[in-house]
Amino acid sequence: MDQVLALIDDIYEAGADPSRWLSTMERLADATGGFDAVIGGMSGVKAPVFMAPRTDPAMVALYTSHYHASNPMQLGARKLPAGRAAFDTDLVDKDTFYKTAFYNDWCVPQGLRHGVALTIATTGGWTANLMISANTPFEQGAVDFLQALSPHLTRAFRINQLLHESRSESLGTFSALALADRGVFLIAETGLCMPANEVAEALLAQADGIRLVQGMLQCLEANDTRQLQRAIYHAASGKSATASAPVLVQRGASRLPLQLVAIPIPAEGWSKNGHPHRVMVIATNQETRLQQRTQELRQRYRLTPAETAVLQELARGGDRAVIADRLGVSLATVRTQLTSIFDKTGVRRQADVIRLVMEQV
């Protein structure tokens, strides 16, 4: 357990400081019994990103220039649902893979004959895949381990993206984050809070779980406010370079909580109106994410609007009778719709349906 907690700390360190990814990836490889952990990313307009701390730089250059577009393993990994880990044998036909030039000319010389993969959810059109390779087959525990780390890796990558976007020009770049459905707040040394994009302004205007009281960010519930203040204090105090654990802000019955993460801003910080800002608070509206996710599932599995509504209510919690009451339909109707959802998605347990919905929320 100590090893897992230490690795999670490393992941959040990399979220706050991307230069730490290489050492974190080495620890990931060691923890799963692999030789090297590789993170590859691709957007529609940029060259591929390929980080492999233990791979010969010449082989890295060969991969990005020649094998990236034709790597069957990477193409198979990109089909994995975000947040899902799998063995290499689940991604490609091994007999076919063993005949490829990529396997014989790139993998075999390095002793990379087996692997486990994880797809990491990112934003802005990016896809990212983590592949850990070894000379001997992996055990099931390696897949389970990556699966458990998936939410932390996803959050760290999204923090990286926010930090990159925010540094690219000026505070004005935060306006682009409106498309990401996340509110961004800057906290000054004095504790004063400044909403930095339209999503943040809208959350405050609606008093949607949070508000400004004498210029300081507070939650509607006193206990949530204490947790948020503690997270901001630790981020501002310099005691840790990592992002805080998420503070879940309650917003009323049958609504998913607002998720707040406090991130230390590097020493140079940002200055606005004479106030140096030392902490960034990122607010994720899980309700918006839930609606987006269920609409994706509706299209993928051809669900009806009524079935999609049941999916959303399942994610919000409550048994079937509670869901029927919230939707204003009979219990028999909810049972029928849930049976249809089982048939269309191929899952057989209500818990698995909820997991399917919440993968990227």
Protein backbone atom coordinates (compact mmCIF):
# COMPACT_ATOMS: atom_id res chain seq x y z
CA MET A 1 0.00 0.00 0.00
CA ASP A 2 2.85 2.41 0.84
CA GLN A 3 4.28 1.84 -2.62
CA VAL A 4 0.94 2.67 -4.24
CA LEU A 5 0.50 5.85 -2.20
CA ALA A 6 4.05 6.96 -2.99
CA LEU A 7 3.46 6.38 -6.69
CA ILE A 8 0.22 8.40 -6.58
CA ASP A 9 2.21 11.23 -4.99
CA ASP A 10 4.73 10.96 -7.84
CA ILE A 11 1.95 11.16 -10.41
CA TYR A 12 0.60 14.39 -8.91
CA GLU A 13 4.13 15.78 -8.71
CA ALA A 14 4.32 15.20 -12.48
CA GLY A 15 0.92 16.86 -12.84
CA ALA A 16 2.32 20.04 -11.28
CA ASP A 17 5.75 19.71 -12.94
CA PRO A 18 5.86 17.82 -16.29
CA SER A 19 9.63 17.39 -16.02
CA ARG A 20 8.95 14.75 -13.35
CA TRP A 21 7.16 12.39 -15.75
CA LEU A 22 10.30 10.50 -16.73
CA SER A 23 11.18 9.48 -13.18
CA THR A 24 7.53 8.71 -12.44
CA MET A 25 7.33 6.46 -15.49
CA GLU A 26 10.40 4.55 -14.32
CA ARG A 27 8.65 3.88 -11.01
CA LEU A 28 5.51 2.79 -12.88
CA ALA A 29 7.55 0.28 -14.86
CA ASP A 30 9.23 -1.09 -11.74
CA ALA A 31 5.95 -1.37 -9.83
CA THR A 32 4.36 -3.51 -12.56
CA GLY A 33 7.39 -5.69 -13.22
CA GLY A 34 8.16 -4.05 -16.55
CA PHE A 35 11.32 -2.68 -18.13
CA ASP A 36 10.14 0.62 -19.55
CA ALA A 37 6.97 2.70 -19.36
CA VAL A 38 6.19 4.70 -22.47
CA ILE A 39 3.68 7.51 -22.89
CA GLY A 40 2.68 8.37 -26.42
CA GLY A 41 0.31 11.16 -27.44
CA MET A 42 -1.09 12.52 -30.68
CA SER A 43 -3.23 15.44 -31.72
CA GLY A 44 -4.59 16.35 -35.11
CA VAL A 45 -2.13 19.19 -35.61
CA LYS A 46 1.02 18.36 -33.67
CA ALA A 47 3.83 15.87 -33.99
CA PRO A 48 3.63 12.72 -31.87
CA VAL A 49 4.83 12.90 -28.29
CA PHE A 50 6.84 9.88 -27.13
CA MET A 51 8.39 9.74 -23.66
CA ALA A 52 10.39 6.63 -22.82
CA PRO A 53 12.96 7.17 -20.04
CA ARG A 54 14.79 3.85 -20.43
CA THR A 55 14.68 3.56 -24.20
CA ASP A 56 17.75 4.37 -26.29
CA PRO A 57 17.26 7.92 -27.69
CA ALA A 58 18.16 6.63 -31.14
CA MET A 59 15.31 4.12 -30.92
CA VAL A 60 12.96 6.86 -29.73
CA ALA A 61 13.90 8.96 -32.77
CA LEU A 62 13.37 5.96 -35.04
CA TYR A 63 9.94 5.36 -33.53
CA THR A 64 8.67 8.92 -33.89
CA SER A 65 10.00 9.27 -37.44
CA HIS A 66 9.10 5.85 -38.80
CA TYR A 67 7.01 3.50 -36.65
CA HIS A 68 4.53 5.76 -34.87
CA ALA A 69 1.87 5.72 -37.57
CA SER A 70 2.12 1.98 -38.20
CA ASN A 71 2.55 0.57 -34.69
CA PRO A 72 -0.27 -2.00 -34.39
CA MET A 73 -0.02 -1.97 -30.60
CA GLN A 74 -0.58 1.77 -30.39
CA LEU A 75 -3.44 1.61 -32.89
CA GLY A 76 -5.03 -1.12 -30.81
CA ALA A 77 -4.53 0.81 -27.57
CA ARG A 78 -6.27 3.86 -29.04
CA LYS A 79 -9.44 1.78 -29.34
CA LEU A 80 -9.49 1.13 -25.59
CA PRO A 81 -12.08 3.12 -23.64
CA ALA A 82 -10.42 5.90 -21.71
CA GLY A 83 -9.30 4.71 -18.31
CA ARG A 84 -9.20 1.03 -19.33
CA ALA A 85 -6.07 -1.12 -18.99
CA ALA A 86 -5.44 -4.28 -21.01
CA PHE A 87 -2.84 -6.90 -21.96
CA ASP A 88 -1.14 -6.55 -25.33
CA THR A 89 -2.86 -9.78 -26.40
CA ASP A 90 -6.20 -7.99 -26.03
CA LEU A 91 -5.08 -5.26 -28.42
CA VAL A 92 -3.62 -7.14 -31.40
CA ASP A 93 -3.49 -10.58 -32.93
CA LYS A 94 -0.13 -11.79 -31.65
CA ASP A 95 0.68 -14.07 -34.59
CA THR A 96 0.15 -11.18 -36.99
CA PHE A 97 2.03 -8.78 -34.73
CA TYR A 98 5.07 -11.07 -34.56
CA LYS A 99 5.43 -10.75 -38.35
CA THR A 100 5.53 -6.95 -38.42
CA ALA A 101 8.69 -4.94 -39.00
CA PHE A 102 7.91 -2.91 -35.91
CA TYR A 103 8.05 -6.00 -33.68
CA ASN A 104 11.11 -7.59 -35.28
CA ASP A 105 13.16 -4.44 -35.93
CA TRP A 106 12.19 -2.27 -32.96
CA CYS A 107 10.77 -4.38 -30.13
CA VAL A 108 12.89 -7.55 -30.29
CA PRO A 109 16.31 -5.80 -30.31
CA GLN A 110 15.29 -4.11 -27.05
CA GLY A 111 13.83 -7.25 -25.48
CA LEU A 112 10.31 -5.78 -25.43
CA ARG A 113 8.15 -8.81 -26.14
CA HIS A 114 5.14 -8.31 -23.84
CA GLY A 115 3.13 -5.33 -22.66
CA VAL A 116 0.19 -3.84 -20.81
CA ALA A 117 -1.53 -0.66 -21.97
CA LEU A 118 -3.73 2.08 -20.56
CA THR A 119 -5.62 4.78 -22.46
CA ILE A 120 -5.54 8.14 -20.69
CA ALA A 121 -8.33 10.67 -21.19
CA THR A 122 -7.05 14.12 -22.16
CA THR A 123 -8.64 17.27 -23.52
CA GLY A 124 -8.41 19.43 -26.61
CA GLY A 125 -8.45 16.58 -29.11
CA TRP A 126 -5.45 14.75 -27.66
CA THR A 127 -5.19 11.03 -27.10
CA ALA A 128 -2.56 9.50 -24.83
CA ASN A 129 -1.56 5.91 -24.23
CA LEU A 130 0.65 4.41 -21.56
CA MET A 131 2.41 1.18 -22.51
CA ILE A 132 4.62 -0.80 -20.13
CA SER A 133 6.84 -3.40 -21.80
CA ALA A 134 8.89 -6.34 -20.59
CA ASN A 135 10.66 -9.44 -21.83
CA THR A 136 8.36 -11.79 -19.91
CA PRO A 137 4.54 -11.93 -19.74
CA PHE A 138 2.74 -9.72 -17.24
CA GLU A 139 0.41 -11.04 -14.56
CA GLN A 140 -3.18 -9.87 -14.04
CA GLY A 141 -2.01 -7.74 -11.14
CA ALA A 142 -0.23 -5.38 -13.53
CA VAL A 143 -3.48 -4.63 -15.37
CA ASP A 144 -5.37 -4.18 -12.10
CA PHE A 145 -2.63 -1.86 -10.82
CA LEU A 146 -2.81 0.40 -13.89
CA GLN A 147 -6.59 0.39 -13.69
CA ALA A 148 -6.41 1.64 -10.10
CA LEU A 149 -3.97 4.40 -11.06
CA SER A 150 -5.99 5.49 -14.08
CA PRO A 151 -8.02 8.29 -12.39
CA HIS A 152 -4.84 9.80 -10.94
CA LEU A 153 -2.96 9.66 -14.26
CA THR A 154 -5.93 11.22 -16.04
CA ARG A 155 -6.17 14.05 -13.53
CA ALA A 156 -2.42 14.71 -13.67
CA PHE A 157 -2.46 14.92 -17.47
CA ARG A 158 -5.37 17.35 -17.42
CA ILE A 159 -3.53 19.50 -14.88
CA ASN A 160 -0.49 19.49 -17.19
CA GLN A 161 -2.67 20.73 -20.01
CA LEU A 162 -4.20 23.49 -17.92
CA LEU A 163 -0.79 24.68 -16.78
CA HIS A 164 0.52 24.62 -20.34
CA GLU A 165 -2.47 26.55 -21.65
CA SER A 166 -2.26 29.12 -18.88
CA ARG A 167 1.44 29.81 -19.46
CA SER A 168 1.19 29.99 -23.24
CA GLU A 169 0.27 33.69 -23.43
CA SER A 170 -1.37 35.44 -20.50
CA LEU A 171 -4.33 35.27 -18.17
CA GLY A 172 -6.49 35.80 -21.23
CA THR A 173 -5.74 32.26 -22.36
CA PHE A 174 -8.02 30.98 -19.60
CA SER A 175 -10.99 32.02 -21.77
CA ALA A 176 -10.22 29.02 -24.00
CA LEU A 177 -10.93 26.73 -21.06
CA ALA A 178 -14.64 27.50 -21.38
CA LEU A 179 -14.76 24.71 -23.93
CA ALA A 180 -13.39 22.26 -21.35
CA ASP A 181 -16.29 22.76 -18.92
CA ARG A 182 -13.94 23.57 -16.10
CA GLY A 183 -13.85 26.72 -14.01
CA VAL A 184 -10.48 28.22 -13.16
CA PHE A 185 -9.94 30.50 -10.15
CA LEU A 186 -6.74 32.29 -9.16
CA ILE A 187 -6.08 32.77 -5.44
CA ALA A 188 -3.84 35.66 -4.36
CA GLU A 189 -1.48 35.63 -1.40
CA THR A 190 -4.12 37.66 0.44
CA GLY A 191 -6.70 34.91 -0.12
CA LEU A 192 -8.66 37.01 -2.59
CA CYS A 193 -10.10 34.98 -5.45
CA MET A 194 -10.37 35.97 -9.10
CA PRO A 195 -12.46 33.92 -11.56
CA ALA A 196 -10.23 33.42 -14.60
CA ASN A 197 -12.66 32.14 -17.23
CA GLU A 198 -16.33 32.20 -18.18
CA VAL A 199 -17.09 28.85 -16.57
CA ALA A 200 -15.81 30.11 -13.22
CA GLU A 201 -17.85 33.29 -13.54
CA ALA A 202 -20.97 31.28 -14.31
CA LEU A 203 -20.50 29.02 -11.28
CA LEU A 204 -20.26 32.05 -9.03
CA ALA A 205 -23.20 33.82 -10.66
CA GLN A 206 -25.39 30.76 -10.11
CA ALA A 207 -24.03 30.13 -6.59
CA ASP A 208 -23.66 26.58 -7.87
CA GLY A 209 -21.95 25.06 -4.83
CA ILE A 210 -19.47 27.93 -4.42
CA ARG A 211 -19.57 31.69 -3.93
CA LEU A 212 -17.40 34.69 -3.09
CA VAL A 213 -17.66 36.03 0.46
CA GLN A 214 -15.67 39.25 0.97
CA GLY A 215 -13.69 38.33 -2.12
CA MET A 216 -12.75 34.84 -0.90
CA LEU A 217 -13.88 31.55 -2.36
CA GLN A 218 -16.27 29.62 -0.14
CA CYS A 219 -18.58 26.63 -0.47
CA LEU A 220 -22.24 26.59 0.45
CA GLU A 221 -21.57 23.93 3.10
CA ALA A 222 -19.29 24.86 6.01
CA ASN A 223 -17.46 21.53 6.05
CA ASP A 224 -16.72 21.79 2.31
CA THR A 225 -15.37 25.31 2.91
CA ARG A 226 -12.99 24.02 5.59
CA GLN A 227 -11.67 21.32 3.27
CA LEU A 228 -11.20 23.82 0.43
CA GLN A 229 -9.41 26.32 2.67
CA ARG A 230 -7.10 23.55 3.90
CA ALA A 231 -6.30 22.53 0.30
CA ILE A 232 -5.59 26.15 -0.69
CA TYR A 233 -3.41 26.69 2.38
CA HIS A 234 -1.26 23.63 1.65
CA ALA A 235 -0.93 24.63 -2.01
CA ALA A 236 0.09 28.19 -1.10
CA SER A 237 2.43 27.28 1.77
CA GLY A 238 5.02 25.62 -0.40
CA LYS A 239 4.80 22.39 1.61
CA SER A 240 3.95 20.42 -1.52
CA ALA A 241 4.30 20.89 -5.28
CA THR A 242 1.44 18.48 -5.96
CA ALA A 243 -2.19 19.10 -6.73
CA SER A 244 -4.50 18.62 -3.78
CA ALA A 245 -6.83 15.70 -3.45
CA PRO A 246 -10.19 16.72 -4.92
CA VAL A 247 -12.59 18.55 -2.63
CA LEU A 248 -16.12 17.36 -3.39
CA VAL A 249 -18.56 20.24 -2.97
CA GLN A 250 -22.15 19.21 -2.34
CA ARG A 251 -24.83 20.86 -4.49
CA GLY A 252 -28.10 19.36 -3.29
CA ALA A 253 -29.93 16.06 -3.53
CA SER A 254 -29.53 13.98 -6.70
CA ARG A 255 -26.80 16.25 -8.11
CA LEU A 256 -23.20 15.19 -8.52
CA PRO A 257 -20.78 17.25 -6.42
CA LEU A 258 -18.59 19.96 -7.86
CA GLN A 259 -14.97 18.81 -7.84
CA LEU A 260 -12.30 21.34 -6.79
CA VAL A 261 -8.53 20.80 -7.03
CA ALA A 262 -5.97 23.32 -5.68
CA ILE A 263 -2.68 23.55 -7.59
CA PRO A 264 0.42 25.49 -6.52
CA ILE A 265 1.43 28.10 -9.08
CA PRO A 266 5.20 28.16 -9.75
CA ALA A 267 7.26 30.80 -7.98
CA GLU A 268 7.01 33.33 -10.82
CA GLY A 269 3.22 33.12 -10.54
CA TRP A 270 0.85 35.50 -12.26
CA SER A 271 0.14 39.05 -11.20
CA LYS A 272 -3.15 40.80 -11.79
CA ASN A 273 -4.21 44.17 -10.33
CA GLY A 274 -1.15 44.18 -8.08
CA HIS A 275 -2.00 40.83 -6.46
CA PRO A 276 0.48 37.96 -7.08
CA HIS A 277 -1.44 34.72 -7.42
CA ARG A 278 -0.04 31.60 -5.81
CA VAL A 279 -2.80 28.98 -6.19
CA MET A 280 -4.99 27.84 -9.05
CA VAL A 281 -8.29 26.17 -8.15
CA ILE A 282 -9.81 24.07 -10.92
CA ALA A 283 -13.53 23.34 -10.68
CA THR A 284 -14.90 20.39 -12.63
CA ASN A 285 -18.65 20.36 -13.19
CA GLN A 286 -19.38 16.65 -13.01
CA GLU A 287 -23.01 17.25 -14.02
CA THR A 288 -21.85 18.61 -17.37
CA ARG A 289 -19.40 15.74 -17.76
CA LEU A 290 -22.19 13.28 -16.96
CA GLN A 291 -24.45 14.71 -19.64
CA GLN A 292 -21.65 14.60 -22.20
CA ARG A 293 -20.73 11.03 -21.28
CA THR A 294 -24.30 9.72 -21.44
CA GLN A 295 -24.80 11.35 -24.83
CA GLU A 296 -21.66 9.60 -26.07
CA LEU A 297 -23.04 6.27 -24.82
CA ARG A 298 -26.42 7.04 -26.35
CA GLN A 299 -24.82 7.39 -29.78
CA ARG A 300 -22.48 4.42 -29.35
CA TYR A 301 -25.15 1.96 -28.20
CA ARG A 302 -28.16 3.58 -29.88
CA LEU A 303 -29.98 4.15 -26.63
CA THR A 304 -33.35 5.86 -26.54
CA PRO A 305 -33.77 9.23 -24.78
CA ALA A 306 -35.61 7.45 -21.94
CA GLU A 307 -32.78 4.92 -21.52
CA THR A 308 -30.23 7.75 -21.54
CA ALA A 309 -32.17 9.48 -18.75
CA VAL A 310 -32.04 6.27 -16.68
CA LEU A 311 -28.25 6.15 -17.21
CA GLN A 312 -27.88 9.67 -15.87
CA GLU A 313 -29.99 8.95 -12.80
CA LEU A 314 -28.07 5.75 -12.07
CA ALA A 315 -24.86 7.77 -11.94
CA ARG A 316 -26.45 10.26 -9.53
CA GLY A 317 -27.25 7.46 -7.09
CA GLY A 318 -30.31 5.80 -5.61
CA ASP A 319 -32.09 2.51 -6.16
CA ARG A 320 -34.53 1.83 -8.97
CA ALA A 321 -37.51 3.06 -6.97
CA VAL A 322 -35.78 6.39 -6.29
CA ILE A 323 -34.86 6.72 -9.97
CA ALA A 324 -38.44 6.03 -11.01
CA ASP A 325 -39.64 8.73 -8.63
CA ARG A 326 -37.13 11.29 -9.92
CA LEU A 327 -38.07 10.55 -13.53
CA GLY A 328 -41.79 10.45 -12.83
CA VAL A 329 -42.27 6.96 -14.27
CA SER A 330 -43.23 3.59 -12.84
CA LEU A 331 -40.77 1.16 -11.28
CA ALA A 332 -41.70 -1.38 -13.99
CA THR A 333 -40.70 1.15 -16.66
CA VAL A 334 -37.28 1.68 -15.10
CA ARG A 335 -36.76 -2.09 -14.89
CA THR A 336 -37.67 -2.50 -18.56
CA GLN A 337 -35.38 0.31 -19.65
CA LEU A 338 -32.51 -1.03 -17.55
CA THR A 339 -32.94 -4.49 -19.11
CA SER A 340 -32.74 -2.88 -22.55
CA ILE A 341 -29.58 -1.01 -21.49
CA PHE A 342 -28.05 -4.32 -20.39
CA ASP A 343 -28.83 -5.87 -23.77
CA LYS A 344 -27.45 -2.97 -25.80
CA THR A 345 -24.25 -2.39 -23.82
CA GLY A 346 -23.46 -6.04 -23.15
CA VAL A 347 -23.13 -5.63 -19.37
CA ARG A 348 -25.20 -7.61 -16.88
CA ARG A 349 -24.88 -5.79 -13.55
CA GLN A 350 -26.12 -2.39 -12.49
CA ALA A 351 -22.71 -1.61 -10.96
CA ASP A 352 -21.07 -2.23 -14.34
CA VAL A 353 -23.52 0.14 -16.01
CA ILE A 354 -22.61 2.86 -13.51
CA ARG A 355 -18.91 2.20 -14.08
CA LEU A 356 -19.47 2.51 -17.82
CA VAL A 357 -21.12 5.89 -17.35
CA MET A 358 -18.59 7.23 -14.86
CA GLU A 359 -15.43 6.26 -16.77
CA GLN A 360 -14.72 9.83 -17.86
CA VAL A 361 -16.98 11.91 -15.64
